Amino acid sequence: QGRDADGERILREGSKGSPKSAMLHHALGLALVRLKRIDAAVSELERATVLEPGNARFAYVHAVALHSTGKADAAIVKLKKALADHPNDRDILEALASFYAARGESAEAKKYADRRQTLADN
């Protein structure tokens, strides 16, 4: 609805009252992405992963944000760590395949793509 600035304000107020809420930091990070404030967004998305390290979705979104800022190595490290905890997460596998393919590392890309396809076939 084009009210991301209002959303940012509300989420910042909420995170002051609940500074350990990973969901609030994650939502704020997404709002900041929409506002094209990528560095601040990456910081909030990272905070969400620190507060809730077992959340595969938070790790995936943070890794995608890192990758979009040119930090491919950090994104891959983040995804591999998340994959260790969530070995059947299709989004993580797909992102790893995509990130390795973008680097021209086709053997690594295929490894993750094949693993994801095996999950899809089951």
PDB file of N, CA and C in Angstrom:
ATOM      1  N   GLN A   1       0.814  -1.197   0.000  1.00  0.00           N
ATOM      2  CA  GLN A   1       0.000   0.000   0.000  1.00  0.00           C
ATOM      3  C   GLN A   1       0.857   1.260   0.000  1.00  0.00           C
ATOM      4  N   GLY A   2       2.172   1.107  -0.145  1.00  0.00           N
ATOM      5  CA  GLY A   2       3.027   2.267  -0.195  1.00  0.00           C
ATOM      6  C   GLY A   2       3.231   2.960   1.143  1.00  0.00           C
ATOM      7  N   ARG A   3       3.025   2.245   2.222  1.00  0.00           N
ATOM      8  CA  ARG A   3       3.152   2.856   3.549  1.00  0.00           C
ATOM      9  C   ARG A   3       4.329   2.263   4.329  1.00  0.00           C
ATOM     10  N   ASP A   4       5.385   1.943   3.617  1.00  0.00           N
ATOM     11  CA  ASP A   4       6.530   1.314   4.281  1.00  0.00           C
ATOM     12  C   ASP A   4       7.207   2.240   5.284  1.00  0.00           C
ATOM     13  N   ALA A   5       7.184   3.544   5.042  1.00  0.00           N
ATOM     14  CA  ALA A   5       7.769   4.475   6.013  1.00  0.00           C
ATOM     15  C   ALA A   5       6.992   4.417   7.329  1.00  0.00           C
ATOM     16  N   ASP A   6       5.656   4.320   7.229  1.00  0.00           N
ATOM     17  CA  ASP A   6       4.843   4.152   8.443  1.00  0.00           C
ATOM     18  C   ASP A   6       5.172   2.822   9.108  1.00  0.00           C
ATOM     19  N   GLY A   7       5.323   1.789   8.296  1.00  0.00           N
ATOM     20  CA  GLY A   7       5.673   0.475   8.828  1.00  0.00           C
ATOM     21  C   GLY A   7       7.010   0.495   9.541  1.00  0.00           C
ATOM     22  N   GLU A   8       7.972   1.179   8.944  1.00  0.00           N
ATOM     23  CA  GLU A   8       9.285   1.283   9.591  1.00  0.00           C
ATOM     24  C   GLU A   8       9.153   1.931  10.970  1.00  0.00           C
ATOM     25  N   ARG A   9       8.430   3.024  11.039  1.00  0.00           N
ATOM     26  CA  ARG A   9       8.263   3.732  12.310  1.00  0.00           C
ATOM     27  C   ARG A   9       7.628   2.829  13.364  1.00  0.00           C
ATOM     28  N   ILE A  10       6.572   2.144  12.967  1.00  0.00           N
ATOM     29  CA  ILE A  10       5.858   1.257  13.900  1.00  0.00           C
ATOM     30  C   ILE A  10       6.755   0.103  14.349  1.00  0.00           C
ATOM     31  N   LEU A  11       7.489  -0.472  13.411  1.00  0.00           N
ATOM     32  CA  LEU A  11       8.375  -1.594  13.744  1.00  0.00           C
ATOM     33  C   LEU A  11       9.526  -1.141  14.649  1.00  0.00           C
ATOM     34  N   ARG A  12      10.040   0.043  14.416  1.00  0.00           N
ATOM     35  CA  ARG A  12      11.106   0.561  15.298  1.00  0.00           C
ATOM     36  C   ARG A  12      10.572   0.789  16.717  1.00  0.00           C
ATOM     37  N   GLU A  13       9.370   1.324  16.813  1.00  0.00           N
ATOM     38  CA  GLU A  13       8.749   1.501  18.134  1.00  0.00           C
ATOM     39  C   GLU A  13       8.567   0.152  18.811  1.00  0.00           C
ATOM     40  N   GLY A  14       8.081  -0.823  18.053  1.00  0.00           N
ATOM     41  CA  GLY A  14       7.877  -2.158  18.611  1.00  0.00           C
ATOM     42  C   GLY A  14       9.177  -2.800  19.058  1.00  0.00           C
ATOM     43  N   SER A  15      10.241  -2.610  18.276  1.00  0.00           N
ATOM     44  CA  SER A  15      11.510  -3.236  18.644  1.00  0.00           C
ATOM     45  C   SER A  15      12.149  -2.560  19.857  1.00  0.00           C
ATOM     46  N   LYS A  16      11.785  -1.298  20.122  1.00  0.00           N
ATOM     47  CA  LYS A  16      12.255  -0.659  21.358  1.00  0.00           C
ATOM     48  C   LYS A  16      11.611  -1.330  22.567  1.00  0.00           C
ATOM     49  N   GLY A  17      10.342  -1.682  22.447  1.00  0.00           N
ATOM     50  CA  GLY A  17       9.639  -2.340  23.544  1.00  0.00           C
ATOM     51  C   GLY A  17       9.969  -3.818  23.669  1.00  0.00           C
ATOM     52  N   SER A  18      10.338  -4.426  22.542  1.00  0.00           N
ATOM     53  CA  SER A  18      10.691  -5.852  22.511  1.00  0.00           C
ATOM     54  C   SER A  18      11.979  -6.026  21.717  1.00  0.00           C
ATOM     55  N   PRO A  19      13.105  -5.579  22.262  1.00  0.00           N
ATOM     56  CA  PRO A  19      14.349  -5.591  21.489  1.00  0.00           C
ATOM     57  C   PRO A  19      14.859  -6.984  21.121  1.00  0.00           C
ATOM     58  N   LYS A  20      14.340  -7.998  21.792  1.00  0.00           N
ATOM     59  CA  LYS A  20      14.790  -9.362  21.502  1.00  0.00           C
ATOM     60  C   LYS A  20      13.824 -10.116  20.592  1.00  0.00           C
ATOM     61  N   SER A  21      12.903  -9.391  19.964  1.00  0.00           N
ATOM     62  CA  SER A  21      11.954 -10.021  19.052  1.00  0.00           C
ATOM     63  C   SER A  21      12.574 -10.148  17.665  1.00  0.00           C
ATOM     64  N   ALA A  22      12.970 -11.352  17.322  1.00  0.00           N
ATOM     65  CA  ALA A  22      13.560 -11.597  16.006  1.00  0.00           C
ATOM     66  C   ALA A  22      12.577 -11.256  14.895  1.00  0.00           C
ATOM     67  N   MET A  23      11.309 -11.557  15.107  1.00  0.00           N
ATOM     68  CA  MET A  23      10.303 -11.296  14.083  1.00  0.00           C
ATOM     69  C   MET A  23      10.198  -9.804  13.772  1.00  0.00           C
ATOM     70  N   LEU A  24      10.255  -8.965  14.794  1.00  0.00           N
ATOM     71  CA  LEU A  24      10.199  -7.518  14.559  1.00  0.00           C
ATOM     72  C   LEU A  24      11.412  -7.040  13.758  1.00  0.00           C
ATOM     73  N   HIS A  25      12.594  -7.529  14.097  1.00  0.00           N
ATOM     74  CA  HIS A  25      13.799  -7.141  13.351  1.00  0.00           C
ATOM     75  C   HIS A  25      13.732  -7.641  11.913  1.00  0.00           C
ATOM     76  N   HIS A  26      13.218  -8.845  11.731  1.00  0.00           N
ATOM     77  CA  HIS A  26      13.070  -9.397  10.381  1.00  0.00           C
ATOM     78  C   HIS A  26      12.093  -8.542   9.569  1.00  0.00           C
ATOM     79  N   ALA A  27      10.955  -8.245  10.151  1.00  0.00           N
ATOM     80  CA  ALA A  27       9.953  -7.426   9.450  1.00  0.00           C
ATOM     81  C   ALA A  27      10.501  -6.036   9.144  1.00  0.00           C
ATOM     82  N   LEU A  28      11.248  -5.465  10.072  1.00  0.00           N
ATOM     83  CA  LEU A  28      11.859  -4.157   9.842  1.00  0.00           C
ATOM     84  C   LEU A  28      12.868  -4.241   8.695  1.00  0.00           C
ATOM     85  N   GLY A  29      13.639  -5.301   8.679  1.00  0.00           N
ATOM     86  CA  GLY A  29      14.586  -5.495   7.578  1.00  0.00           C
ATOM     87  C   GLY A  29      13.892  -5.550   6.232  1.00  0.00           C
ATOM     88  N   LEU A  30      12.778  -6.255   6.165  1.00  0.00           N
ATOM     89  CA  LEU A  30      12.027  -6.334   4.905  1.00  0.00           C
ATOM     90  C   LEU A  30      11.459  -4.975   4.512  1.00  0.00           C
ATOM     91  N   ALA A  31      10.965  -4.226   5.495  1.00  0.00           N
ATOM     92  CA  ALA A  31      10.456  -2.881   5.207  1.00  0.00           C
ATOM     93  C   ALA A  31      11.580  -1.992   4.669  1.00  0.00           C
ATOM     94  N   LEU A  32      12.757  -2.104   5.245  1.00  0.00           N
ATOM     95  CA  LEU A  32      13.893  -1.306   4.798  1.00  0.00           C
ATOM     96  C   LEU A  32      14.341  -1.697   3.390  1.00  0.00           C
ATOM     97  N   VAL A  33      14.225  -2.977   3.056  1.00  0.00           N
ATOM     98  CA  VAL A  33      14.512  -3.402   1.678  1.00  0.00           C
ATOM     99  C   VAL A  33      13.573  -2.684   0.720  1.00  0.00           C
ATOM    100  N   ARG A  34      12.290  -2.682   1.054  1.00  0.00           N
ATOM    101  CA  ARG A  34      11.307  -2.016   0.185  1.00  0.00           C
ATOM    102  C   ARG A  34      11.573  -0.514   0.089  1.00  0.00           C
ATOM    103  N   LEU A  35      12.151   0.067   1.146  1.00  0.00           N
ATOM    104  CA  LEU A  35      12.499   1.484   1.134  1.00  0.00           C
ATOM    105  C   LEU A  35      13.859   1.745   0.476  1.00  0.00           C
ATOM    106  N   LYS A  36      14.480   0.663  -0.015  1.00  0.00           N
ATOM    107  CA  LYS A  36      15.773   0.723  -0.698  1.00  0.00           C
ATOM    108  C   LYS A  36      16.914   1.194   0.211  1.00  0.00           C
ATOM    109  N   ARG A  37      16.797   0.887   1.487  1.00  0.00           N
ATOM    110  CA  ARG A  37      17.850   1.194   2.457  1.00  0.00           C
ATOM    111  C   ARG A  37      18.526  -0.130   2.821  1.00  0.00           C
ATOM    112  N   ILE A  38      19.289  -0.613   1.872  1.00  0.00           N
ATOM    113  CA  ILE A  38      19.793  -1.989   1.909  1.00  0.00           C
ATOM    114  C   ILE A  38      20.757  -2.238   3.066  1.00  0.00           C
ATOM    115  N   ASP A  39      21.684  -1.328   3.304  1.00  0.00           N
ATOM    116  CA  ASP A  39      22.640  -1.579   4.397  1.00  0.00           C
ATOM    117  C   ASP A  39      21.921  -1.704   5.740  1.00  0.00           C
ATOM    118  N   ALA A  40      20.972  -0.827   5.989  1.00  0.00           N
ATOM    119  CA  ALA A  40      20.199  -0.908   7.242  1.00  0.00           C
ATOM    120  C   ALA A  40      19.363  -2.179   7.259  1.00  0.00           C
ATOM    121  N   ALA A  41      18.839  -2.565   6.102  1.00  0.00           N
ATOM    122  CA  ALA A  41      18.030  -3.783   6.004  1.00  0.00           C
ATOM    123  C   ALA A  41      18.864  -5.011   6.350  1.00  0.00           C
ATOM    124  N   VAL A  42      20.052  -5.095   5.770  1.00  0.00           N
ATOM    125  CA  VAL A  42      20.930  -6.248   6.032  1.00  0.00           C
ATOM    126  C   VAL A  42      21.244  -6.337   7.520  1.00  0.00           C
ATOM    127  N   SER A  43      21.465  -5.207   8.138  1.00  0.00           N
ATOM    128  CA  SER A  43      21.754  -5.187   9.577  1.00  0.00           C
ATOM    129  C   SER A  43      20.583  -5.726  10.394  1.00  0.00           C
ATOM    130  N   GLU A  44      19.386  -5.301  10.075  1.00  0.00           N
ATOM    131  CA  GLU A  44      18.195  -5.787  10.793  1.00  0.00           C
ATOM    132  C   GLU A  44      17.957  -7.276  10.529  1.00  0.00           C
ATOM    133  N   LEU A  45      18.164  -7.687   9.286  1.00  0.00           N
ATOM    134  CA  LEU A  45      17.975  -9.109   8.960  1.00  0.00           C
ATOM    135  C   LEU A  45      18.998  -9.974   9.683  1.00  0.00           C
ATOM    136  N   GLU A  46      20.212  -9.457   9.800  1.00  0.00           N
ATOM    137  CA  GLU A  46      21.233 -10.188  10.554  1.00  0.00           C
ATOM    138  C   GLU A  46      20.850 -10.276  12.030  1.00  0.00           C
ATOM    139  N   ARG A  47      20.343  -9.183  12.571  1.00  0.00           N
ATOM    140  CA  ARG A  47      19.925  -9.164  13.984  1.00  0.00           C
ATOM    141  C   ARG A  47      18.875 -10.238  14.235  1.00  0.00           C
ATOM    142  N   ALA A  48      17.951 -10.387  13.302  1.00  0.00           N
ATOM    143  CA  ALA A  48      16.920 -11.424  13.444  1.00  0.00           C
ATOM    144  C   ALA A  48      17.549 -12.812  13.518  1.00  0.00           C
ATOM    145  N   THR A  49      18.588 -13.068  12.702  1.00  0.00           N
ATOM    146  CA  THR A  49      19.221 -14.392  12.719  1.00  0.00           C
ATOM    147  C   THR A  49      20.008 -14.624  13.999  1.00  0.00           C
ATOM    148  N   VAL A  50      20.545 -13.555  14.573  1.00  0.00           N
ATOM    149  CA  VAL A  50      21.271 -13.675  15.843  1.00  0.00           C
ATOM    150  C   VAL A  50      20.296 -13.999  16.973  1.00  0.00           C
ATOM    151  N   LEU A  51      19.159 -13.326  16.949  1.00  0.00           N
ATOM    152  CA  LEU A  51      18.163 -13.533  18.008  1.00  0.00           C
ATOM    153  C   LEU A  51      17.458 -14.879  17.890  1.00  0.00           C
ATOM    154  N   GLU A  52      17.321 -15.378  16.668  1.00  0.00           N
ATOM    155  CA  GLU A  52      16.644 -16.657  16.455  1.00  0.00           C
ATOM    156  C   GLU A  52      17.439 -17.481  15.442  1.00  0.00           C
ATOM    157  N   PRO A  53      18.583 -18.018  15.885  1.00  0.00           N
ATOM    158  CA  PRO A  53      19.492 -18.698  14.961  1.00  0.00           C
ATOM    159  C   PRO A  53      18.923 -19.971  14.326  1.00  0.00           C
ATOM    160  N   GLY A  54      17.918 -20.538  14.911  1.00  0.00           N
ATOM    161  CA  GLY A  54      17.339 -21.757  14.364  1.00  0.00           C
ATOM    162  C   GLY A  54      16.273 -21.532  13.315  1.00  0.00           C
ATOM    163  N   ASN A  55      16.002 -20.290  12.956  1.00  0.00           N
ATOM    164  CA  ASN A  55      14.957 -19.993  11.988  1.00  0.00           C
ATOM    165  C   ASN A  55      15.553 -19.997  10.584  1.00  0.00           C
ATOM    166  N   ALA A  56      15.230 -21.032   9.816  1.00  0.00           N
ATOM    167  CA  ALA A  56      15.782 -21.200   8.473  1.00  0.00           C
ATOM    168  C   ALA A  56      15.386 -20.061   7.547  1.00  0.00           C
ATOM    169  N   ARG A  57      14.168 -19.584   7.667  1.00  0.00           N
ATOM    170  CA  ARG A  57      13.698 -18.513   6.780  1.00  0.00           C
ATOM    171  C   ARG A  57      14.482 -17.220   7.022  1.00  0.00           C
ATOM    172  N   PHE A  58      14.740 -16.906   8.281  1.00  0.00           N
ATOM    173  CA  PHE A  58      15.507 -15.704   8.592  1.00  0.00           C
ATOM    174  C   PHE A  58      16.910 -15.806   7.988  1.00  0.00           C
ATOM    175  N   ALA A  59      17.532 -16.965   8.117  1.00  0.00           N
ATOM    176  CA  ALA A  59      18.875 -17.166   7.559  1.00  0.00           C
ATOM    177  C   ALA A  59      18.857 -17.036   6.035  1.00  0.00           C
ATOM    178  N   TYR A  60      17.853 -17.623   5.404  1.00  0.00           N
ATOM    179  CA  TYR A  60      17.727 -17.560   3.941  1.00  0.00           C
ATOM    180  C   TYR A  60      17.585 -16.107   3.473  1.00  0.00           C
ATOM    181  N   VAL A  61      16.676 -15.371   4.085  1.00  0.00           N
ATOM    182  CA  VAL A  61      16.436 -13.983   3.676  1.00  0.00           C
ATOM    183  C   VAL A  61      17.684 -13.135   3.910  1.00  0.00           C
ATOM    184  N   HIS A  62      18.344 -13.335   5.037  1.00  0.00           N
ATOM    185  CA  HIS A  62      19.580 -12.596   5.308  1.00  0.00           C
ATOM    186  C   HIS A  62      20.631 -12.918   4.251  1.00  0.00           C
ATOM    187  N   ALA A  63      20.773 -14.182   3.899  1.00  0.00           N
ATOM    188  CA  ALA A  63      21.757 -14.577   2.882  1.00  0.00           C
ATOM    189  C   ALA A  63      21.440 -13.954   1.522  1.00  0.00           C
ATOM    190  N   VAL A  64      20.187 -13.929   1.153  1.00  0.00           N
ATOM    191  CA  VAL A  64      19.801 -13.307  -0.123  1.00  0.00           C
ATOM    192  C   VAL A  64      20.151 -11.815  -0.099  1.00  0.00           C
ATOM    193  N   ALA A  65      19.899 -11.170   1.020  1.00  0.00           N
ATOM    194  CA  ALA A  65      20.239  -9.746   1.152  1.00  0.00           C
ATOM    195  C   ALA A  65      21.751  -9.544   1.050  1.00  0.00           C
ATOM    196  N   LEU A  66      22.510 -10.397   1.719  1.00  0.00           N
ATOM    197  CA  LEU A  66      23.968 -10.309   1.614  1.00  0.00           C
ATOM    198  C   LEU A  66      24.412 -10.466   0.165  1.00  0.00           C
ATOM    199  N   HIS A  67      23.869 -11.459  -0.500  1.00  0.00           N
ATOM    200  CA  HIS A  67      24.240 -11.726  -1.891  1.00  0.00           C
ATOM    201  C   HIS A  67      23.920 -10.526  -2.773  1.00  0.00           C
ATOM    202  N   SER A  68      22.792  -9.889  -2.526  1.00  0.00           N
ATOM    203  CA  SER A  68      22.388  -8.756  -3.358  1.00  0.00           C
ATOM    204  C   SER A  68      23.285  -7.534  -3.149  1.00  0.00           C
ATOM    205  N   THR A  69      24.048  -7.514  -2.066  1.00  0.00           N
ATOM    206  CA  THR A  69      24.979  -6.415  -1.824  1.00  0.00           C
ATOM    207  C   THR A  69      26.402  -6.781  -2.241  1.00  0.00           C
ATOM    208  N   GLY A  70      26.548  -7.885  -2.944  1.00  0.00           N
ATOM    209  CA  GLY A  70      27.857  -8.285  -3.439  1.00  0.00           C
ATOM    210  C   GLY A  70      28.673  -9.122  -2.474  1.00  0.00           C
ATOM    211  N   LYS A  71      28.055  -9.564  -1.399  1.00  0.00           N
ATOM    212  CA  LYS A  71      28.768 -10.360  -0.395  1.00  0.00           C
ATOM    213  C   LYS A  71      28.429 -11.843  -0.578  1.00  0.00           C
ATOM    214  N   ALA A  72      28.796 -12.355  -1.752  1.00  0.00           N
ATOM    215  CA  ALA A  72      28.451 -13.731  -2.101  1.00  0.00           C
ATOM    216  C   ALA A  72      29.085 -14.745  -1.157  1.00  0.00           C
ATOM    217  N   ASP A  73      30.338 -14.532  -0.799  1.00  0.00           N
ATOM    218  CA  ASP A  73      31.008 -15.479   0.106  1.00  0.00           C
ATOM    219  C   ASP A  73      30.285 -15.565   1.443  1.00  0.00           C
ATOM    220  N   ALA A  74      29.941 -14.416   2.002  1.00  0.00           N
ATOM    221  CA  ALA A  74      29.231 -14.395   3.291  1.00  0.00           C
ATOM    222  C   ALA A  74      27.862 -15.035   3.162  1.00  0.00           C
ATOM    223  N   ALA A  75      27.204 -14.810   2.031  1.00  0.00           N
ATOM    224  CA  ALA A  75      25.884 -15.409   1.805  1.00  0.00           C
ATOM    225  C   ALA A  75      25.972 -16.928   1.770  1.00  0.00           C
ATOM    226  N   ILE A  76      26.974 -17.434   1.090  1.00  0.00           N
ATOM    227  CA  ILE A  76      27.142 -18.893   0.989  1.00  0.00           C
ATOM    228  C   ILE A  76      27.474 -19.491   2.351  1.00  0.00           C
ATOM    229  N   VAL A  77      28.329 -18.832   3.109  1.00  0.00           N
ATOM    230  CA  VAL A  77      28.660 -19.315   4.458  1.00  0.00           C
ATOM    231  C   VAL A  77      27.391 -19.380   5.306  1.00  0.00           C
ATOM    232  N   LYS A  78      26.581 -18.337   5.251  1.00  0.00           N
ATOM    233  CA  LYS A  78      25.334 -18.273   6.023  1.00  0.00           C
ATOM    234  C   LYS A  78      24.407 -19.421   5.614  1.00  0.00           C
ATOM    235  N   LEU A  79      24.272 -19.633   4.312  1.00  0.00           N
ATOM    236  CA  LEU A  79      23.381 -20.695   3.833  1.00  0.00           C
ATOM    237  C   LEU A  79      23.881 -22.087   4.209  1.00  0.00           C
ATOM    238  N   LYS A  80      25.171 -22.313   4.121  1.00  0.00           N
ATOM    239  CA  LYS A  80      25.710 -23.627   4.480  1.00  0.00           C
ATOM    240  C   LYS A  80      25.490 -23.927   5.963  1.00  0.00           C
ATOM    241  N   LYS A  81      25.657 -22.916   6.787  1.00  0.00           N
ATOM    242  CA  LYS A  81      25.398 -23.099   8.218  1.00  0.00           C
ATOM    243  C   LYS A  81      23.924 -23.415   8.443  1.00  0.00           C
ATOM    244  N   ALA A  82      23.048 -22.689   7.780  1.00  0.00           N
ATOM    245  CA  ALA A  82      21.608 -22.941   7.913  1.00  0.00           C
ATOM    246  C   ALA A  82      21.247 -24.322   7.376  1.00  0.00           C
ATOM    247  N   LEU A  83      21.893 -24.734   6.308  1.00  0.00           N
ATOM    248  CA  LEU A  83      21.612 -26.049   5.727  1.00  0.00           C
ATOM    249  C   LEU A  83      22.020 -27.174   6.676  1.00  0.00           C
ATOM    250  N   ALA A  84      23.081 -26.962   7.426  1.00  0.00           N
ATOM    251  CA  ALA A  84      23.510 -27.972   8.406  1.00  0.00           C
ATOM    252  C   ALA A  84      22.411 -28.212   9.438  1.00  0.00           C
ATOM    253  N   ASP A  85      21.706 -27.139   9.795  1.00  0.00           N
ATOM    254  CA  ASP A  85      20.620 -27.258  10.769  1.00  0.00           C
ATOM    255  C   ASP A  85      19.291 -27.663  10.131  1.00  0.00           C
ATOM    256  N   HIS A  86      19.143 -27.383   8.843  1.00  0.00           N
ATOM    257  CA  HIS A  86      17.887 -27.642   8.121  1.00  0.00           C
ATOM    258  C   HIS A  86      18.204 -28.309   6.776  1.00  0.00           C
ATOM    259  N   PRO A  87      18.646 -29.578   6.810  1.00  0.00           N
ATOM    260  CA  PRO A  87      19.157 -30.217   5.593  1.00  0.00           C
ATOM    261  C   PRO A  87      18.123 -30.420   4.482  1.00  0.00           C
ATOM    262  N   ASN A  88      16.856 -30.271   4.783  1.00  0.00           N
ATOM    263  CA  ASN A  88      15.830 -30.465   3.768  1.00  0.00           C
ATOM    264  C   ASN A  88      15.115 -29.180   3.370  1.00  0.00           C
ATOM    265  N   ASP A  89      15.737 -28.049   3.652  1.00  0.00           N
ATOM    266  CA  ASP A  89      15.112 -26.770   3.304  1.00  0.00           C
ATOM    267  C   ASP A  89      15.345 -26.486   1.819  1.00  0.00           C
ATOM    268  N   ARG A  90      14.276 -26.501   1.066  1.00  0.00           N
ATOM    269  CA  ARG A  90      14.367 -26.349  -0.388  1.00  0.00           C
ATOM    270  C   ARG A  90      14.827 -24.954  -0.797  1.00  0.00           C
ATOM    271  N   ASP A  91      14.393 -23.934  -0.086  1.00  0.00           N
ATOM    272  CA  ASP A  91      14.814 -22.571  -0.427  1.00  0.00           C
ATOM    273  C   ASP A  91      16.319 -22.402  -0.254  1.00  0.00           C
ATOM    274  N   ILE A  92      16.851 -22.946   0.812  1.00  0.00           N
ATOM    275  CA  ILE A  92      18.291 -22.850   1.052  1.00  0.00           C
ATOM    276  C   ILE A  92      19.059 -23.595  -0.029  1.00  0.00           C
ATOM    277  N   LEU A  93      18.610 -24.783  -0.360  1.00  0.00           N
ATOM    278  CA  LEU A  93      19.273 -25.552  -1.417  1.00  0.00           C
ATOM    279  C   LEU A  93      19.220 -24.825  -2.759  1.00  0.00           C
ATOM    280  N   GLU A  94      18.067 -24.265  -3.068  1.00  0.00           N
ATOM    281  CA  GLU A  94      17.917 -23.548  -4.327  1.00  0.00           C
ATOM    282  C   GLU A  94      18.818 -22.310  -4.370  1.00  0.00           C
ATOM    283  N   ALA A  95      18.897 -21.594  -3.265  1.00  0.00           N
ATOM    284  CA  ALA A  95      19.760 -20.417  -3.213  1.00  0.00           C
ATOM    285  C   ALA A  95      21.228 -20.805  -3.369  1.00  0.00           C
ATOM    286  N   LEU A  96      21.638 -21.865  -2.696  1.00  0.00           N
ATOM    287  CA  LEU A  96      23.030 -22.317  -2.847  1.00  0.00           C
ATOM    288  C   LEU A  96      23.327 -22.685  -4.297  1.00  0.00           C
ATOM    289  N   ALA A  97      22.412 -23.404  -4.933  1.00  0.00           N
ATOM    290  CA  ALA A  97      22.607 -23.770  -6.342  1.00  0.00           C
ATOM    291  C   ALA A  97      22.722 -22.511  -7.204  1.00  0.00           C
ATOM    292  N   SER A  98      21.859 -21.567  -6.957  1.00  0.00           N
ATOM    293  CA  SER A  98      21.852 -20.332  -7.734  1.00  0.00           C
ATOM    294  C   SER A  98      23.118 -19.503  -7.501  1.00  0.00           C
ATOM    295  N   PHE A  99      23.524 -19.362  -6.254  1.00  0.00           N
ATOM    296  CA  PHE A  99      24.696 -18.550  -5.941  1.00  0.00           C
ATOM    297  C   PHE A  99      25.965 -19.165  -6.524  1.00  0.00           C
ATOM    298  N   TYR A 100      26.077 -20.503  -6.437  1.00  0.00           N
ATOM    299  CA  TYR A 100      27.242 -21.151  -7.025  1.00  0.00           C
ATOM    300  C   TYR A 100      27.211 -21.052  -8.546  1.00  0.00           C
ATOM    301  N   ALA A 101      26.049 -21.178  -9.143  1.00  0.00           N
ATOM    302  CA  ALA A 101      25.936 -21.042 -10.596  1.00  0.00           C
ATOM    303  C   ALA A 101      26.355 -19.638 -11.031  1.00  0.00           C
ATOM    304  N   ALA A 102      25.953 -18.628 -10.272  1.00  0.00           N
ATOM    305  CA  ALA A 102      26.312 -17.246 -10.601  1.00  0.00           C
ATOM    306  C   ALA A 102      27.826 -17.032 -10.545  1.00  0.00           C
ATOM    307  N   ARG A 103      28.497 -17.827  -9.728  1.00  0.00           N
ATOM    308  CA  ARG A 103      29.959 -17.737  -9.620  1.00  0.00           C
ATOM    309  C   ARG A 103      30.664 -18.581 -10.665  1.00  0.00           C
ATOM    310  N   GLY A 104      29.889 -19.323 -11.441  1.00  0.00           N
ATOM    311  CA  GLY A 104      30.483 -20.196 -12.445  1.00  0.00           C
ATOM    312  C   GLY A 104      30.983 -21.518 -11.890  1.00  0.00           C
ATOM    313  N   GLU A 105      30.562 -21.846 -10.676  1.00  0.00           N
ATOM    314  CA  GLU A 105      30.978 -23.105 -10.054  1.00  0.00           C
ATOM    315  C   GLU A 105      29.881 -24.141 -10.287  1.00  0.00           C
ATOM    316  N   SER A 106      29.878 -24.677 -11.506  1.00  0.00           N
ATOM    317  CA  SER A 106      28.772 -25.533 -11.924  1.00  0.00           C
ATOM    318  C   SER A 106      28.697 -26.848 -11.156  1.00  0.00           C
ATOM    319  N   ALA A 107      29.821 -27.414 -10.764  1.00  0.00           N
ATOM    320  CA  ALA A 107      29.780 -28.679 -10.020  1.00  0.00           C
ATOM    321  C   ALA A 107      29.107 -28.474  -8.659  1.00  0.00           C
ATOM    322  N   GLU A 108      29.466 -27.395  -7.968  1.00  0.00           N
ATOM    323  CA  GLU A 108      28.825 -27.097  -6.681  1.00  0.00           C
ATOM    324  C   GLU A 108      27.349 -26.772  -6.878  1.00  0.00           C
ATOM    325  N   ALA A 109      27.048 -26.000  -7.902  1.00  0.00           N
ATOM    326  CA  ALA A 109      25.656 -25.641  -8.187  1.00  0.00           C
ATOM    327  C   ALA A 109      24.834 -26.904  -8.430  1.00  0.00           C
ATOM    328  N   LYS A 110      25.372 -27.817  -9.211  1.00  0.00           N
ATOM    329  CA  LYS A 110      24.651 -29.057  -9.537  1.00  0.00           C
ATOM    330  C   LYS A 110      24.419 -29.898  -8.296  1.00  0.00           C
ATOM    331  N   LYS A 111      25.395 -29.938  -7.408  1.00  0.00           N
ATOM    332  CA  LYS A 111      25.262 -30.725  -6.176  1.00  0.00           C
ATOM    333  C   LYS A 111      24.027 -30.276  -5.389  1.00  0.00           C
ATOM    334  N   TYR A 112      23.861 -28.971  -5.231  1.00  0.00           N
ATOM    335  CA  TYR A 112      22.719 -28.464  -4.464  1.00  0.00           C
ATOM    336  C   TYR A 112      21.418 -28.546  -5.255  1.00  0.00           C
ATOM    337  N   ALA A 113      21.494 -28.333  -6.550  1.00  0.00           N
ATOM    338  CA  ALA A 113      20.293 -28.446  -7.388  1.00  0.00           C
ATOM    339  C   ALA A 113      19.789 -29.886  -7.398  1.00  0.00           C
ATOM    340  N   ASP A 114      20.701 -30.835  -7.500  1.00  0.00           N
ATOM    341  CA  ASP A 114      20.298 -32.255  -7.490  1.00  0.00           C
ATOM    342  C   ASP A 114      19.682 -32.631  -6.150  1.00  0.00           C
ATOM    343  N   ARG A 115      20.264 -32.156  -5.095  1.00  0.00           N
ATOM    344  CA  ARG A 115      19.737 -32.450  -3.752  1.00  0.00           C
ATOM    345  C   ARG A 115      18.325 -31.874  -3.595  1.00  0.00           C
ATOM    346  N   ARG A 116      18.131 -30.663  -4.102  1.00  0.00           N
ATOM    347  CA  ARG A 116      16.798 -30.052  -4.039  1.00  0.00           C
ATOM    348  C   ARG A 116      15.812 -30.836  -4.893  1.00  0.00           C
ATOM    349  N   GLN A 117      16.247 -31.273  -6.055  1.00  0.00           N
ATOM    350  CA  GLN A 117      15.349 -32.038  -6.931  1.00  0.00           C
ATOM    351  C   GLN A 117      14.962 -33.360  -6.293  1.00  0.00           C
ATOM    352  N   THR A 118      15.877 -33.990  -5.593  1.00  0.00           N
ATOM    353  CA  THR A 118      15.566 -35.238  -4.888  1.00  0.00           C
ATOM    354  C   THR A 118      14.455 -35.008  -3.863  1.00  0.00           C
ATOM    355  N   LEU A 119      14.529 -33.894  -3.154  1.00  0.00           N
ATOM    356  CA  LEU A 119      13.483 -33.565  -2.186  1.00  0.00           C
ATOM    357  C   LEU A 119      12.149 -33.317  -2.886  1.00  0.00           C
ATOM    358  N   ALA A 120      12.188 -32.650  -4.025  1.00  0.00           N
ATOM    359  CA  ALA A 120      10.956 -32.347  -4.758  1.00  0.00           C
ATOM    360  C   ALA A 120      10.314 -33.617  -5.303  1.00  0.00           C
ATOM    361  N   ASP A 121      11.145 -34.601  -5.644  1.00  0.00           N
ATOM    362  CA  ASP A 121      10.635 -35.860  -6.200  1.00  0.00           C
ATOM    363  C   ASP A 121       9.985 -36.745  -5.137  1.00  0.00           C
ATOM    364  N   ASN A 122      10.312 -36.501  -3.889  1.00  0.00           N
ATOM    365  CA  ASN A 122       9.763 -37.354  -2.800  1.00  0.00           C
ATOM    366  C   ASN A 122       8.453 -36.842  -2.284  1.00  0.00           C
TER     367      ASN A 122
END
